[in-house]
Amino acid sequence: MTLHEDNRVFCEKTELFSDAFYGTITKIYEHSALVKVEPDQLSKKETDKIDSFGDLVVIRMSELQLVDAAGKPLKEPAEELEAAE
């Protein structure tokens, strides 16, 4: 899946969080993304884990699903490949 900065994503529960949440990608790394968690998405106990980072978490790309504004999954956009010369 190709994700980009400013994409809205959904994350199922992970090792770090037991609740699923929505967020927006702020930075892309090789195999993960820095995600700004949307307000009120996590329980208070789990929010305490990320308060010092301003609601930012690093999540593996494989755990993220691209979604639209309504939270519905989007199909992976077809990327145009350049022909080799």
N, C-alpha and C. Protein backbone atom coordinates (compact mmCIF):
# COMPACT_ATOMS: atom_id res chain seq x y z
N MET A 1 0.85 -1.17 0.00
CA MET A 1 0.00 0.00 0.00
C MET A 1 0.89 1.23 0.00
N THR A 2 0.54 2.19 -0.79
CA THR A 2 1.30 3.43 -0.84
C THR A 2 0.55 4.50 -0.06
N LEU A 3 1.16 4.91 1.02
CA LEU A 3 0.57 5.97 1.84
C LEU A 3 1.42 7.22 1.70
N HIS A 4 0.78 8.36 1.91
CA HIS A 4 1.47 9.64 1.77
C HIS A 4 1.12 10.54 2.94
N GLU A 5 1.91 11.59 3.14
CA GLU A 5 1.61 12.56 4.18
C GLU A 5 0.22 13.15 3.94
N ASP A 6 -0.47 13.45 5.00
CA ASP A 6 -1.83 14.02 5.01
C ASP A 6 -2.91 13.02 4.65
N ASN A 7 -2.58 11.74 4.44
CA ASN A 7 -3.61 10.71 4.24
C ASN A 7 -4.29 10.43 5.57
N ARG A 8 -5.61 10.23 5.54
CA ARG A 8 -6.34 9.80 6.74
C ARG A 8 -6.27 8.29 6.78
N VAL A 9 -5.95 7.74 7.95
CA VAL A 9 -5.78 6.30 8.08
C VAL A 9 -6.55 5.77 9.29
N PHE A 10 -6.77 4.47 9.26
CA PHE A 10 -7.40 3.75 10.35
C PHE A 10 -6.41 2.70 10.82
N CYS A 11 -6.31 2.52 12.13
CA CYS A 11 -5.41 1.51 12.68
C CYS A 11 -6.20 0.62 13.63
N GLU A 12 -6.18 -0.68 13.36
CA GLU A 12 -6.78 -1.65 14.29
C GLU A 12 -5.96 -1.65 15.56
N LYS A 13 -6.39 -2.35 16.59
CA LYS A 13 -5.59 -2.40 17.81
C LYS A 13 -4.20 -2.96 17.51
N THR A 14 -3.22 -2.44 18.22
CA THR A 14 -1.82 -2.82 18.01
C THR A 14 -1.23 -3.28 19.33
N GLU A 15 0.06 -3.56 19.33
CA GLU A 15 0.73 -3.92 20.58
C GLU A 15 0.69 -2.76 21.56
N LEU A 16 0.76 -1.55 21.04
CA LEU A 16 0.78 -0.36 21.90
C LEU A 16 -0.61 0.07 22.36
N PHE A 17 -1.62 -0.07 21.47
CA PHE A 17 -2.97 0.39 21.79
C PHE A 17 -3.97 -0.75 21.65
N SER A 18 -4.86 -0.88 22.63
CA SER A 18 -5.86 -1.94 22.57
C SER A 18 -7.14 -1.49 21.86
N ASP A 19 -7.22 -0.20 21.54
CA ASP A 19 -8.37 0.34 20.81
C ASP A 19 -7.95 0.73 19.40
N ALA A 20 -8.87 0.58 18.45
CA ALA A 20 -8.62 1.05 17.09
C ALA A 20 -8.77 2.57 17.08
N PHE A 21 -8.12 3.23 16.11
CA PHE A 21 -8.23 4.69 16.05
C PHE A 21 -8.00 5.19 14.63
N TYR A 22 -8.44 6.45 14.41
CA TYR A 22 -8.22 7.16 13.15
C TYR A 22 -7.15 8.22 13.39
N GLY A 23 -6.43 8.56 12.33
CA GLY A 23 -5.43 9.60 12.44
C GLY A 23 -5.01 10.07 11.06
N THR A 24 -4.07 11.00 11.04
CA THR A 24 -3.56 11.56 9.80
C THR A 24 -2.04 11.40 9.78
N ILE A 25 -1.53 10.93 8.66
CA ILE A 25 -0.09 10.74 8.53
C ILE A 25 0.61 12.09 8.45
N THR A 26 1.63 12.28 9.28
CA THR A 26 2.39 13.52 9.25
C THR A 26 3.78 13.33 8.67
N LYS A 27 4.30 12.11 8.71
CA LYS A 27 5.63 11.83 8.15
C LYS A 27 5.70 10.35 7.80
N ILE A 28 6.37 10.06 6.70
CA ILE A 28 6.54 8.69 6.22
C ILE A 28 7.98 8.25 6.45
N TYR A 29 8.14 7.06 6.97
CA TYR A 29 9.46 6.44 7.12
C TYR A 29 9.51 5.23 6.21
N GLU A 30 10.59 4.46 6.27
CA GLU A 30 10.74 3.33 5.35
C GLU A 30 9.63 2.29 5.51
N HIS A 31 9.35 1.87 6.75
CA HIS A 31 8.34 0.83 6.98
C HIS A 31 7.26 1.26 7.96
N SER A 32 7.24 2.53 8.31
CA SER A 32 6.26 3.01 9.28
C SER A 32 5.89 4.46 8.96
N ALA A 33 4.94 4.97 9.74
CA ALA A 33 4.48 6.34 9.53
C ALA A 33 4.23 6.99 10.89
N LEU A 34 4.48 8.29 10.96
CA LEU A 34 4.16 9.07 12.13
C LEU A 34 2.72 9.55 11.96
N VAL A 35 1.85 9.17 12.87
CA VAL A 35 0.42 9.43 12.75
C VAL A 35 -0.05 10.34 13.88
N LYS A 36 -0.76 11.41 13.51
CA LYS A 36 -1.41 12.28 14.50
C LYS A 36 -2.77 11.69 14.79
N VAL A 37 -2.96 11.21 16.01
CA VAL A 37 -4.21 10.56 16.40
C VAL A 37 -5.31 11.61 16.54
N GLU A 38 -6.48 11.31 15.97
CA GLU A 38 -7.62 12.24 16.07
C GLU A 38 -8.09 12.30 17.53
N PRO A 39 -8.54 13.49 17.96
CA PRO A 39 -8.99 13.66 19.34
C PRO A 39 -10.10 12.66 19.72
N ASP A 40 -10.08 12.25 20.97
CA ASP A 40 -11.11 11.37 21.54
C ASP A 40 -11.15 9.98 20.91
N GLN A 41 -10.06 9.54 20.27
CA GLN A 41 -10.04 8.22 19.65
C GLN A 41 -9.58 7.13 20.61
N LEU A 42 -8.79 7.49 21.61
CA LEU A 42 -8.24 6.50 22.52
C LEU A 42 -8.72 6.75 23.94
N SER A 43 -8.71 5.68 24.74
CA SER A 43 -9.12 5.83 26.14
C SER A 43 -8.09 6.68 26.88
N LYS A 44 -8.47 7.25 28.00
CA LYS A 44 -7.58 8.12 28.78
C LYS A 44 -6.30 7.39 29.13
N LYS A 45 -6.39 6.12 29.52
CA LYS A 45 -5.21 5.35 29.90
C LYS A 45 -4.20 5.30 28.76
N GLU A 46 -4.70 5.10 27.55
CA GLU A 46 -3.81 4.99 26.41
C GLU A 46 -3.37 6.35 25.90
N THR A 47 -4.19 7.36 26.09
CA THR A 47 -3.80 8.71 25.70
C THR A 47 -2.60 9.17 26.53
N ASP A 48 -2.53 8.73 27.78
CA ASP A 48 -1.40 9.09 28.64
C ASP A 48 -0.08 8.61 28.04
N LYS A 49 -0.11 7.52 27.28
CA LYS A 49 1.10 6.99 26.66
C LYS A 49 1.66 7.95 25.61
N ILE A 50 0.80 8.74 24.97
CA ILE A 50 1.27 9.58 23.87
C ILE A 50 1.19 11.07 24.15
N ASP A 51 0.72 11.47 25.33
CA ASP A 51 0.60 12.90 25.64
C ASP A 51 1.90 13.65 25.46
N SER A 52 3.01 13.05 25.84
CA SER A 52 4.29 13.74 25.76
C SER A 52 4.75 13.93 24.31
N PHE A 53 4.11 13.25 23.37
CA PHE A 53 4.46 13.38 21.97
C PHE A 53 3.41 14.18 21.19
N GLY A 54 2.50 14.83 21.86
CA GLY A 54 1.49 15.64 21.19
C GLY A 54 0.55 14.82 20.34
N ASP A 55 0.13 13.66 20.83
CA ASP A 55 -0.80 12.76 20.13
C ASP A 55 -0.21 12.18 18.85
N LEU A 56 1.11 12.11 18.74
CA LEU A 56 1.78 11.50 17.60
C LEU A 56 2.27 10.11 17.97
N VAL A 57 2.05 9.15 17.09
CA VAL A 57 2.54 7.79 17.31
C VAL A 57 3.17 7.27 16.02
N VAL A 58 4.14 6.39 16.17
CA VAL A 58 4.75 5.74 15.02
C VAL A 58 4.10 4.36 14.89
N ILE A 59 3.52 4.10 13.72
CA ILE A 59 2.81 2.85 13.47
C ILE A 59 3.37 2.21 12.21
N ARG A 60 3.51 0.88 12.24
CA ARG A 60 3.95 0.16 11.04
C ARG A 60 2.95 0.37 9.90
N MET A 61 3.47 0.54 8.70
CA MET A 61 2.59 0.73 7.52
C MET A 61 1.62 -0.43 7.37
N SER A 62 2.07 -1.64 7.70
CA SER A 62 1.22 -2.82 7.53
C SER A 62 0.01 -2.79 8.45
N GLU A 63 0.01 -1.94 9.47
CA GLU A 63 -1.10 -1.84 10.41
C GLU A 63 -2.06 -0.70 10.06
N LEU A 64 -1.79 0.03 8.98
CA LEU A 64 -2.61 1.19 8.62
C LEU A 64 -3.48 0.90 7.39
N GLN A 65 -4.70 1.41 7.42
CA GLN A 65 -5.63 1.28 6.30
C GLN A 65 -6.02 2.69 5.85
N LEU A 66 -5.84 2.98 4.58
CA LEU A 66 -6.23 4.27 4.01
C LEU A 66 -7.75 4.37 4.03
N VAL A 67 -8.29 5.50 4.55
CA VAL A 67 -9.75 5.68 4.63
C VAL A 67 -10.13 7.07 4.14
N ASP A 68 -11.41 7.23 3.82
CA ASP A 68 -11.91 8.54 3.41
C ASP A 68 -12.38 9.32 4.64
N ALA A 69 -12.94 10.50 4.43
CA ALA A 69 -13.38 11.36 5.53
C ALA A 69 -14.45 10.70 6.39
N ALA A 70 -15.24 9.80 5.80
CA ALA A 70 -16.30 9.11 6.54
C ALA A 70 -15.78 7.87 7.25
N GLY A 71 -14.50 7.53 7.05
CA GLY A 71 -13.92 6.37 7.69
C GLY A 71 -14.05 5.09 6.90
N LYS A 72 -14.52 5.18 5.65
CA LYS A 72 -14.66 3.99 4.81
C LYS A 72 -13.33 3.69 4.12
N PRO A 73 -12.93 2.42 4.08
CA PRO A 73 -11.66 2.05 3.43
C PRO A 73 -11.64 2.45 1.96
N LEU A 74 -10.51 2.93 1.52
CA LEU A 74 -10.31 3.29 0.12
C LEU A 74 -9.46 2.22 -0.55
N LYS A 75 -9.74 2.00 -1.82
CA LYS A 75 -8.90 1.09 -2.58
C LYS A 75 -7.57 1.77 -2.81
N GLU A 76 -6.53 0.96 -2.92
CA GLU A 76 -5.21 1.51 -3.18
C GLU A 76 -5.21 2.17 -4.54
N PRO A 77 -4.77 3.43 -4.61
CA PRO A 77 -4.76 4.10 -5.91
C PRO A 77 -3.77 3.43 -6.85
N ALA A 78 -4.16 3.33 -8.10
CA ALA A 78 -3.27 2.74 -9.09
C ALA A 78 -2.16 3.73 -9.40
N GLU A 79 -0.94 3.28 -9.25
CA GLU A 79 0.19 4.16 -9.53
C GLU A 79 0.68 3.91 -10.93
N GLU A 80 0.97 4.99 -11.61
CA GLU A 80 1.48 4.86 -12.97
C GLU A 80 2.95 4.50 -12.92
N LEU A 81 3.31 3.46 -13.63
CA LEU A 81 4.70 3.03 -13.69
C LEU A 81 5.32 3.53 -14.98
N GLU A 82 6.53 4.00 -14.89
CA GLU A 82 7.21 4.48 -16.08
C GLU A 82 7.87 3.28 -16.77
N ALA A 83 7.75 3.26 -18.07
CA ALA A 83 8.37 2.17 -18.85
C ALA A 83 9.87 2.33 -18.88
N ALA A 84 10.56 1.22 -18.76
CA ALA A 84 12.01 1.24 -18.85
C ALA A 84 12.43 1.48 -20.30
N GLU A 85 13.47 2.24 -20.48
CA GLU A 85 13.95 2.52 -21.83
C GLU A 85 15.05 1.57 -22.23
